[in-house]
Amino acid sequence: MATLSLIGVVVTQLYWLNTAFKVQEKQIELQDKQHDQLEREFNDRVVIALTNVAEEILSINKDPSELYDAVKQIRSNYFTAVINDTLHPYLLESLLIKEFKRRNINEDFEYGIYDCFTDSVVYGNYVGYSDEEGKTSKPSTLVKWDKDGHYFGVLFPNKEGYGIEPVEKQLGTWTFTMIIMMIVFAFFAFSIWVILKQKRLSEMKNDFINNMTHELKTPISTIALSSEVLMQENIANEPDRVGQYARIIKSENERLKNQVERVLQLATLDKDDLDLRQEKVDMHDVIQKAIESFELTLEERNGSLNTTLSAQNHVVIGDPVHLTNIVHNLIDNAIKYSVEAPRISLATDNSNGDLNIRVNDKGIGLDKENVKHVFEKFFRVHTGNVHNVKGFGLGLYYVKSMAKAHGGDVRVDSTLGEGSTFTIQLRNLA
C-alpha cells in the first residue's frame, strides 16, 4: 500500500509538472508574441521620432529639401538619419530629448554626428536618465555609417529587447521539485529494503530458535533415557549394557557441548568490545590438532582427510581459540555436507605475504544463489533428502567474522553436486 501510495504521488506530481510545462510553453509563446509586438512598436516610435527631429532641423535651417526614407534601422538598437545640412550638436541633443520624451521613449541613448567629407564622427554624447538632472554625459562609442552627406546616428546601449526568461531557468523550480521527489523515493526504497531485510532476519531467527530447541532436546532426551536404564536394579549384572549406555551418554553430552559452544560463539560475535588475544599461533599445529579431533568421525563414515601443508610461513598473530574454531568449523562442514564417505583435502600456502588455508570437499556443493548468502547469520542451505545435517547456521558466519577480526578474509568456490572449496586468508603473519 505504501508503494502504491508513493507511485500515486509521483504520477500525480509528473502530471502536474507536465500540465505546468504546457501552460508555461503557452505563456512563453504569448510573451514572445508580445515581445515582438513591443519591439516593433518601439522601433516604429524611434523611427517616427528621428524623422520628426530631422524634419524640424531642416525647418529651423530653412532647408526646402524633402526627406524620403531618411531614417534607417541598422541594428536592433542603432538608428541613423541622413540630413544634407549643418547639424548643431546641442540643437540635435535638445530635439532628441524633447521628441523621445513626447514619444515616451525613456531609454538611455547615445548620439553622434558624422561628416562624410572627413569620414569621421565630429561629435558624440551619451544621454542618460539615471541621475537627478535627468541627463548623464559619457564619451561617444558610436560607429560610423558610410553614406553621402551629413547624418546622425542614435544608439540605445542598454536596450536588450523585451526579453523573456529562458525556459531553462523556468525549469529550475520543476527540477528542484523532481530532485526532492527522487530523494523521498530513494529514502522510501531504502526503508522498504531495511524492512524486508529485518523481516528475513526475523524469519531466520525463528528458524534458528526452532532448530536449536530440537537440537538441544534430542541429546537431553537421550541422556535422560540412558540414565534411567543405568538406574535399574539389575543393570550392574550387565556390564556390556552399562558400557553401551555410558558411551551414549558421553556421545550425547559431547554433542550437547558442541551445540552450546555454537551459541556461545554467536554471543561472542555480538559483543561490540570483542577482545582478541594477540600471540603467535602455528596454524600447522592448529590444523593437525583439529584433524585429530575428527579422526573418529571420519573413521565411522569411512572418510579420509589428506593434507598438503606447503606454507613456509605458517605462524600468525591472533587468538588461538578463535583460530582453532575457524579450522574446526570448516572441517566439520566438509564432513556434514558430504553425502557419501567424506573425501576432504586441506592445503596451505603463502602468496603475496598471506597465509592461505584451503579446505576442499566432494560434498553436495552450493548453487550461485546460496553462495551469495552462505556467510550470513542463521543461513542454512536446504539439503533436500540429506536429513542428517545438523546446525544453527552460525558456523560460516562465525568463520567470516573471525577471519575479518584477524585482518583476513574467507571466500568460497563451489559447484552444485561437485563440492566446495573454502579459502581462509590470514595476513597478520609473525
Protein backbone atom coordinates (compact mmCIF):
# COMPACT_ATOMS: atom_id res chain seq x y z
CA MET A 1 0.00 0.00 0.00
CA ALA A 2 2.86 2.37 0.81
CA THR A 3 4.47 1.61 -2.54
CA LEU A 4 1.21 2.23 -4.39
CA SER A 5 0.71 5.48 -2.46
CA LEU A 6 4.19 6.71 -3.36
CA ILE A 7 3.69 5.74 -7.01
CA GLY A 8 0.42 7.68 -6.94
CA VAL A 9 2.18 10.75 -5.54
CA VAL A 10 4.91 10.50 -8.18
CA VAL A 11 2.41 10.06 -11.03
CA THR A 12 0.34 13.00 -9.75
CA GLN A 13 3.46 15.14 -9.48
CA LEU A 14 4.51 14.23 -13.00
CA TYR A 15 1.03 15.03 -14.28
CA TRP A 16 1.03 18.47 -12.68
CA LEU A 17 4.56 19.15 -13.85
CA ASN A 18 3.56 18.21 -17.39
CA THR A 19 0.48 20.43 -17.16
CA ALA A 20 2.52 23.31 -15.75
CA PHE A 21 5.09 22.85 -18.50
CA LYS A 22 2.42 23.08 -21.21
CA VAL A 23 0.90 26.17 -19.57
CA GLN A 24 4.35 27.73 -19.35
CA GLU A 25 5.00 26.95 -23.01
CA LYS A 26 1.80 28.76 -23.93
CA GLN A 27 2.78 31.69 -21.73
CA ILE A 28 6.21 31.85 -23.34
CA GLU A 29 4.67 31.72 -26.77
CA LEU A 30 2.30 34.54 -25.81
CA GLN A 31 5.15 36.54 -24.28
CA ASP A 32 7.23 36.03 -27.42
CA LYS A 33 4.40 37.48 -29.46
CA GLN A 34 4.06 40.37 -27.02
CA HIS A 35 7.80 40.89 -27.14
CA ASP A 36 7.80 41.04 -30.92
CA GLN A 37 4.89 43.45 -30.84
CA LEU A 38 6.57 45.71 -28.27
CA GLU A 39 9.81 45.56 -30.24
CA ARG A 40 8.04 46.67 -33.40
CA GLU A 41 6.21 49.43 -31.54
CA PHE A 42 9.46 50.71 -30.02
CA ASN A 43 11.24 50.70 -33.38
CA ASP A 44 8.33 52.48 -35.03
CA ARG A 45 8.30 55.16 -32.32
CA VAL A 46 12.05 55.68 -32.69
CA VAL A 47 11.81 55.98 -36.49
CA ILE A 48 8.96 58.48 -36.20
CA ALA A 49 10.80 60.46 -33.53
CA LEU A 50 14.04 60.63 -35.56
CA THR A 51 12.09 61.57 -38.70
CA ASN A 52 10.42 64.42 -36.82
CA VAL A 53 13.80 65.56 -35.46
CA ALA A 54 15.30 65.57 -38.96
CA GLU A 55 12.34 67.49 -40.39
CA GLU A 56 12.48 70.03 -37.56
CA ILE A 57 16.19 70.59 -38.14
CA LEU A 58 15.54 71.24 -41.85
CA SER A 59 12.73 73.56 -40.87
CA ILE A 60 14.93 75.51 -38.46
CA ASN A 61 17.67 75.74 -41.10
CA LYS A 62 15.03 76.77 -43.66
CA ASP A 63 16.17 73.98 -45.95
CA PRO A 64 13.49 73.27 -48.59
CA SER A 65 14.79 69.72 -49.11
CA GLU A 66 12.31 66.93 -48.62
CA LEU A 67 13.19 63.83 -46.66
CA TYR A 68 12.43 60.45 -48.14
CA ASP A 69 13.26 57.29 -46.23
CA ALA A 70 15.93 59.22 -44.31
CA VAL A 71 15.81 57.09 -41.14
CA LYS A 72 17.30 53.59 -41.28
CA GLN A 73 17.46 50.90 -38.61
CA ILE A 74 20.93 49.38 -38.79
CA ARG A 75 20.66 47.10 -35.76
CA SER A 76 18.00 46.38 -33.19
CA ASN A 77 19.28 49.29 -31.08
CA TYR A 78 21.02 51.55 -33.64
CA PHE A 79 19.31 54.03 -35.99
CA THR A 80 20.65 56.63 -38.46
CA ALA A 81 19.12 59.68 -40.13
CA VAL A 82 20.57 61.34 -43.27
CA ILE A 83 20.49 65.17 -43.39
CA ASN A 84 22.40 67.08 -46.07
CA ASP A 85 22.65 70.11 -43.87
CA THR A 86 24.53 71.67 -40.97
CA LEU A 87 23.94 69.99 -37.63
CA HIS A 88 24.45 71.77 -34.31
CA PRO A 89 25.09 69.09 -31.64
CA TYR A 90 23.29 70.89 -28.80
CA LEU A 91 20.28 71.58 -31.01
CA LEU A 92 20.23 67.96 -32.07
CA GLU A 93 20.50 66.76 -28.47
CA SER A 94 17.69 69.00 -27.23
CA LEU A 95 15.45 67.97 -30.10
CA LEU A 96 16.16 64.26 -29.49
CA ILE A 97 15.40 64.57 -25.77
CA LYS A 98 12.21 66.50 -26.47
CA GLU A 99 10.97 64.11 -29.17
CA PHE A 100 11.87 60.95 -27.22
CA LYS A 101 10.01 62.30 -24.19
CA ARG A 102 6.98 63.08 -26.31
CA ARG A 103 7.07 59.55 -27.76
CA ASN A 104 7.54 58.02 -24.28
CA ILE A 105 10.98 56.64 -25.16
CA ASN A 106 12.80 56.56 -21.81
CA GLU A 107 15.86 54.55 -22.79
CA ASP A 108 19.36 55.97 -22.29
CA PHE A 109 20.74 56.85 -25.71
CA GLU A 110 23.94 57.87 -27.39
CA TYR A 111 24.05 60.07 -30.46
CA GLY A 112 26.76 61.01 -32.93
CA ILE A 113 27.14 63.42 -35.82
CA TYR A 114 29.05 62.22 -38.89
CA ASP A 115 30.81 64.16 -41.63
CA CYS A 116 31.07 62.26 -44.89
CA PHE A 117 33.86 64.52 -46.20
CA THR A 118 36.23 63.53 -43.38
CA ASP A 119 34.52 60.14 -42.88
CA SER A 120 34.59 60.57 -39.10
CA VAL A 121 32.48 61.35 -36.05
CA VAL A 122 32.61 65.08 -35.47
CA TYR A 123 30.67 64.95 -32.22
CA GLY A 124 29.05 62.44 -29.93
CA ASN A 125 27.46 62.36 -26.50
CA TYR A 126 25.68 60.00 -24.07
CA VAL A 127 22.32 60.98 -22.61
CA GLY A 128 21.03 59.06 -19.62
CA TYR A 129 18.10 59.31 -17.23
CA SER A 130 19.67 57.85 -14.13
CA ASP A 131 20.73 60.96 -12.23
CA GLU A 132 18.76 63.78 -10.65
CA GLU A 133 19.29 66.19 -13.57
CA GLY A 134 17.89 63.63 -15.98
CA LYS A 135 20.97 63.65 -18.16
CA THR A 136 24.39 62.00 -17.94
CA SER A 137 27.16 62.54 -20.46
CA LYS A 138 29.73 59.94 -21.47
CA PRO A 139 32.21 59.72 -24.33
CA SER A 140 30.67 58.52 -27.56
CA THR A 141 31.19 54.93 -28.74
CA LEU A 142 29.07 55.18 -31.91
CA VAL A 143 30.41 53.60 -35.05
CA LYS A 144 30.33 55.46 -38.35
CA TRP A 145 27.94 54.54 -41.17
CA ASP A 146 29.13 55.33 -44.71
CA LYS A 147 26.54 57.49 -46.51
CA ASP A 148 26.69 60.53 -48.74
CA GLY A 149 26.03 63.79 -46.94
CA HIS A 150 25.80 64.57 -43.27
CA TYR A 151 23.89 62.28 -40.98
CA PHE A 152 23.47 61.48 -37.31
CA GLY A 153 23.11 58.17 -35.52
CA VAL A 154 21.36 57.19 -32.28
CA LEU A 155 22.32 54.13 -30.25
CA PHE A 156 20.37 52.68 -27.34
CA PRO A 157 23.20 50.85 -25.49
CA ASN A 158 21.06 49.47 -22.66
CA LYS A 159 18.28 48.16 -24.81
CA GLU A 160 18.37 44.37 -24.95
CA GLY A 161 14.83 43.95 -26.11
CA TYR A 162 11.83 42.86 -24.13
CA GLY A 163 13.41 39.55 -23.24
CA ILE A 164 11.72 36.54 -21.75
CA GLU A 165 13.32 34.46 -19.06
CA PRO A 166 14.86 31.35 -20.70
CA VAL A 167 12.91 28.13 -20.39
CA GLU A 168 15.93 26.50 -18.73
CA LYS A 169 15.71 28.95 -15.82
CA GLN A 170 11.98 28.47 -15.53
CA LEU A 171 12.57 24.73 -15.32
CA GLY A 172 14.77 25.27 -12.26
CA THR A 173 11.84 25.11 -9.83
CA TRP A 174 10.47 21.99 -11.51
CA THR A 175 13.89 20.33 -11.46
CA PHE A 176 14.24 21.11 -7.75
CA THR A 177 10.82 19.58 -7.09
CA MET A 178 11.76 16.44 -9.01
CA ILE A 179 15.03 16.14 -7.07
CA ILE A 180 13.11 16.33 -3.79
CA MET A 181 10.72 13.66 -5.05
CA MET A 182 13.63 11.42 -6.07
CA ILE A 183 15.18 11.83 -2.60
CA VAL A 184 11.89 10.88 -0.98
CA PHE A 185 11.55 7.91 -3.33
CA ALA A 186 15.13 6.78 -2.63
CA PHE A 187 14.59 7.06 1.13
CA PHE A 188 11.35 5.11 0.82
CA ALA A 189 13.05 2.38 -1.23
CA PHE A 190 15.84 2.18 1.33
CA SER A 191 13.28 1.90 4.15
CA ILE A 192 11.48 -0.91 2.33
CA TRP A 193 14.82 -2.67 1.78
CA VAL A 194 15.64 -2.42 5.51
CA ILE A 195 12.18 -3.66 6.46
CA LEU A 196 12.42 -6.67 4.14
CA LYS A 197 15.93 -7.40 5.38
CA GLN A 198 14.77 -7.26 9.00
CA LYS A 199 11.78 -9.44 8.14
CA ARG A 200 14.05 -12.02 6.55
CA LEU A 201 16.40 -11.88 9.54
CA SER A 202 13.45 -12.32 11.90
CA GLU A 203 12.31 -15.39 9.97
CA MET A 204 15.82 -16.81 10.09
CA LYS A 205 15.96 -16.20 13.86
CA ASN A 206 12.67 -18.03 14.29
CA ASP A 207 14.05 -20.95 12.31
CA PHE A 208 17.18 -20.81 14.45
CA ILE A 209 15.18 -20.95 17.67
CA ASN A 210 13.07 -23.85 16.43
CA ASN A 211 16.12 -25.72 15.22
CA MET A 212 18.04 -25.02 18.42
CA THR A 213 15.15 -26.30 20.52
CA HIS A 214 15.10 -29.54 18.56
CA GLU A 215 18.89 -29.91 18.59
CA LEU A 216 19.10 -29.40 22.37
CA LYS A 217 16.10 -31.52 23.29
CA THR A 218 17.31 -34.58 21.38
CA PRO A 219 20.57 -35.16 23.30
CA ILE A 220 18.91 -34.22 26.59
CA SER A 221 16.17 -36.82 26.00
CA THR A 222 18.73 -39.45 25.00
CA ILE A 223 20.82 -38.77 28.12
CA ALA A 224 17.70 -38.95 30.31
CA LEU A 225 16.65 -42.32 28.86
CA SER A 226 20.16 -43.74 29.19
CA SER A 227 20.32 -42.54 32.78
CA GLU A 228 17.04 -44.28 33.59
CA VAL A 229 18.40 -47.52 32.18
CA LEU A 230 21.56 -47.23 34.27
CA MET A 231 19.42 -46.68 37.37
CA GLN A 232 17.73 -50.08 37.04
CA GLU A 233 18.46 -52.53 39.90
CA ASN A 234 19.98 -55.40 37.94
CA ILE A 235 21.91 -53.29 35.41
CA ALA A 236 25.15 -53.90 37.33
CA ASN A 237 24.95 -57.53 36.26
CA GLU A 238 25.09 -56.49 32.59
CA PRO A 239 28.42 -54.70 32.16
CA ASP A 240 28.09 -54.62 28.36
CA ARG A 241 24.85 -52.68 28.55
CA VAL A 242 26.33 -50.35 31.15
CA GLY A 243 29.25 -49.61 28.84
CA GLN A 244 26.95 -49.11 25.87
CA TYR A 245 24.72 -46.59 27.66
CA ALA A 246 27.71 -44.86 29.20
CA ARG A 247 29.12 -44.32 25.70
CA ILE A 248 25.73 -43.00 24.55
CA ILE A 249 25.68 -40.52 27.43
CA LYS A 250 29.22 -39.39 26.64
CA SER A 251 28.46 -39.02 22.94
CA GLU A 252 25.27 -37.07 23.52
CA ASN A 253 26.96 -34.92 26.14
CA GLU A 254 29.71 -34.08 23.63
CA ARG A 255 27.05 -33.25 21.04
CA LEU A 256 25.24 -31.02 23.53
CA LYS A 257 28.50 -29.30 24.40
CA ASN A 258 29.19 -28.55 20.73
CA GLN A 259 25.74 -27.05 20.25
CA VAL A 260 26.16 -24.81 23.30
CA GLU A 261 29.56 -23.68 22.00
CA ARG A 262 27.95 -22.66 18.72
CA VAL A 263 25.52 -20.42 20.58
CA LEU A 264 28.32 -19.02 22.75
CA GLN A 265 30.30 -18.20 19.62
CA LEU A 266 27.35 -16.15 18.38
CA ALA A 267 27.14 -14.34 21.73
CA THR A 268 30.86 -13.57 21.46
CA LEU A 269 30.42 -12.06 17.99
CA ASP A 270 27.50 -9.87 19.11
CA LYS A 271 29.71 -8.09 21.64
CA ASP A 272 30.95 -4.75 20.42
CA ASP A 273 34.07 -4.98 22.56
CA LEU A 274 35.41 -8.27 21.16
CA ASP A 275 38.75 -8.76 22.89
CA LEU A 276 41.12 -10.96 20.88
CA ARG A 277 44.32 -12.27 22.34
CA GLN A 278 47.36 -11.40 20.25
CA GLU A 279 50.01 -14.11 20.31
CA LYS A 280 51.94 -16.27 17.91
CA VAL A 281 49.90 -19.22 16.64
CA ASP A 282 51.35 -22.02 14.50
CA MET A 283 48.49 -22.77 12.12
CA HIS A 284 50.02 -26.11 11.08
CA ASP A 285 49.81 -27.26 14.71
CA VAL A 286 46.24 -25.98 14.88
CA ILE A 287 45.33 -27.92 11.74
CA GLN A 288 46.92 -31.16 12.99
CA LYS A 289 45.05 -30.96 16.31
CA ALA A 290 41.76 -30.21 14.54
CA ILE A 291 42.26 -33.23 12.27
CA GLU A 292 42.89 -35.47 15.28
CA SER A 293 39.57 -34.42 16.82
CA PHE A 294 37.74 -35.62 13.69
CA GLU A 295 39.54 -38.95 13.26
CA LEU A 296 36.80 -40.96 14.96
CA THR A 297 34.04 -39.26 12.94
CA LEU A 298 35.89 -39.86 9.67
CA GLU A 299 36.53 -43.48 10.62
CA GLU A 300 32.84 -44.08 11.33
CA ARG A 301 31.90 -42.73 7.88
CA ASN A 302 34.81 -44.39 6.05
CA GLY A 303 36.10 -40.92 5.11
CA SER A 304 39.57 -39.53 4.53
CA LEU A 305 41.30 -36.21 5.06
CA ASN A 306 44.51 -35.52 3.12
CA THR A 307 46.80 -32.61 3.94
CA THR A 308 49.32 -30.67 1.89
CA LEU A 309 50.91 -28.18 4.26
CA SER A 310 53.20 -26.29 1.87
CA ALA A 311 53.27 -22.88 3.55
CA GLN A 312 56.76 -21.81 4.58
CA ASN A 313 55.49 -19.11 6.91
CA HIS A 314 52.61 -20.59 8.90
CA VAL A 315 52.82 -18.61 12.14
CA VAL A 316 50.26 -15.82 12.55
CA ILE A 317 49.45 -13.28 15.25
CA GLY A 318 45.98 -13.84 16.69
CA ASP A 319 43.74 -15.57 19.19
CA PRO A 320 44.50 -19.33 19.31
CA VAL A 321 40.98 -20.27 20.46
CA HIS A 322 39.18 -18.48 17.64
CA LEU A 323 41.71 -19.55 15.00
CA THR A 324 41.24 -23.15 16.10
CA ASN A 325 37.46 -22.75 15.88
CA ILE A 326 37.76 -21.42 12.33
CA VAL A 327 39.59 -24.52 11.11
CA HIS A 328 37.35 -26.81 13.18
CA ASN A 329 34.16 -25.30 11.67
CA LEU A 330 35.37 -25.67 8.09
CA ILE A 331 36.36 -29.32 8.56
CA ASP A 332 33.08 -30.01 10.36
CA ASN A 333 31.10 -28.50 7.46
CA ALA A 334 33.09 -30.52 4.91
CA ILE A 335 32.14 -33.72 6.75
CA LYS A 336 28.49 -32.80 7.36
CA TYR A 337 27.77 -31.86 3.76
CA SER A 338 29.32 -34.98 2.24
CA VAL A 339 26.50 -37.39 1.36
CA GLU A 340 28.74 -40.41 0.95
CA ALA A 341 32.10 -41.11 2.58
CA PRO A 342 33.79 -37.71 3.08
CA ARG A 343 36.77 -37.04 0.82
CA ILE A 344 38.46 -33.92 2.18
CA SER A 345 41.74 -32.24 1.33
CA LEU A 346 43.35 -29.47 3.35
CA ALA A 347 46.25 -27.41 2.00
CA THR A 348 48.25 -24.35 2.99
CA ASP A 349 50.49 -22.00 1.01
CA ASN A 350 51.86 -18.46 1.03
CA SER A 351 51.01 -15.84 -1.57
CA ASN A 352 51.52 -12.07 -1.54
CA GLY A 353 52.65 -12.25 2.08
CA ASP A 354 49.44 -14.02 3.20
CA LEU A 355 48.81 -17.47 4.62
CA ASN A 356 46.11 -19.33 2.67
CA ILE A 357 44.29 -22.30 4.18
CA ARG A 358 42.10 -24.28 1.74
CA VAL A 359 39.54 -26.88 2.76
CA ASN A 360 38.11 -28.83 -0.18
CA ASP A 361 35.34 -31.43 -0.10
CA LYS A 362 33.46 -33.56 -2.63
CA GLY A 363 30.11 -32.90 -0.99
CA ILE A 364 26.78 -31.58 -2.19
CA GLY A 365 28.19 -28.17 -3.16
CA LEU A 366 26.35 -24.86 -3.46
CA ASP A 367 24.47 -23.13 -6.24
CA LYS A 368 25.12 -19.50 -7.13
CA GLU A 369 22.22 -18.19 -5.06
CA ASN A 370 23.35 -19.97 -1.89
CA VAL A 371 26.95 -18.86 -2.37
CA LYS A 372 25.76 -15.24 -2.01
CA HIS A 373 24.24 -15.90 1.43
CA VAL A 374 26.36 -18.72 2.83
CA PHE A 375 28.23 -16.42 5.26
CA GLU A 376 25.10 -14.73 6.61
CA LYS A 377 23.93 -15.22 10.17
CA PHE A 378 21.42 -18.07 10.66
CA PHE A 379 21.57 -19.01 6.97
CA ARG A 380 21.32 -22.73 6.27
CA VAL A 381 21.38 -24.44 2.89
CA HIS A 382 18.36 -26.57 2.14
CA THR A 383 19.78 -30.06 1.73
CA GLY A 384 16.78 -31.83 0.21
CA ASN A 385 16.99 -35.51 1.13
CA VAL A 386 20.05 -35.05 3.35
CA HIS A 387 18.39 -35.09 6.78
CA ASN A 388 21.43 -35.76 8.92
CA VAL A 389 22.89 -32.23 8.60
CA LYS A 390 22.67 -30.53 11.97
CA GLY A 391 23.46 -26.96 12.92
CA PHE A 392 22.19 -23.46 13.55
CA GLY A 393 23.51 -21.59 10.52
CA LEU A 394 26.21 -19.92 12.61
CA GLY A 395 29.39 -21.77 11.64
CA LEU A 396 30.31 -19.94 8.43
CA TYR A 397 29.09 -16.63 9.81
CA TYR A 398 31.47 -17.16 12.71
CA VAL A 399 34.32 -18.12 10.33
CA LYS A 400 33.79 -14.96 8.23
CA SER A 401 33.60 -12.70 11.26
CA MET A 402 36.67 -14.16 12.94
CA ALA A 403 38.72 -14.05 9.73
CA LYS A 404 37.94 -10.35 9.34
CA ALA A 405 38.62 -9.73 13.04
CA HIS A 406 42.11 -11.13 12.44
CA GLY A 407 42.65 -8.83 9.44
CA GLY A 408 41.91 -11.56 6.91
CA ASP A 409 39.03 -12.87 4.85
CA VAL A 410 37.38 -16.05 3.61
CA ARG A 411 35.92 -16.95 0.21
CA VAL A 412 34.18 -19.95 -1.28
CA ASP A 413 34.29 -21.59 -4.71
CA SER A 414 31.57 -24.16 -5.14
CA THR A 415 29.73 -26.17 -7.78
CA LEU A 416 26.40 -27.79 -7.02
CA GLY A 417 26.78 -31.55 -6.80
CA GLU A 418 30.59 -31.47 -7.04
CA GLY A 419 31.77 -29.92 -3.80
CA SER A 420 33.17 -26.74 -2.31
CA THR A 421 36.49 -25.11 -1.52
CA PHE A 422 36.74 -22.63 1.35
CA THR A 423 39.88 -20.47 1.44
CA ILE A 424 40.95 -18.51 4.50
CA GLN A 425 43.42 -15.66 4.02
CA LEU A 426 45.37 -14.59 7.10
CA ARG A 427 47.56 -11.51 6.77
CA ASN A 428 48.96 -10.94 10.27
CA LEU A 429 51.96 -13.21 9.88
CA ALA A 430 54.62 -13.36 12.57
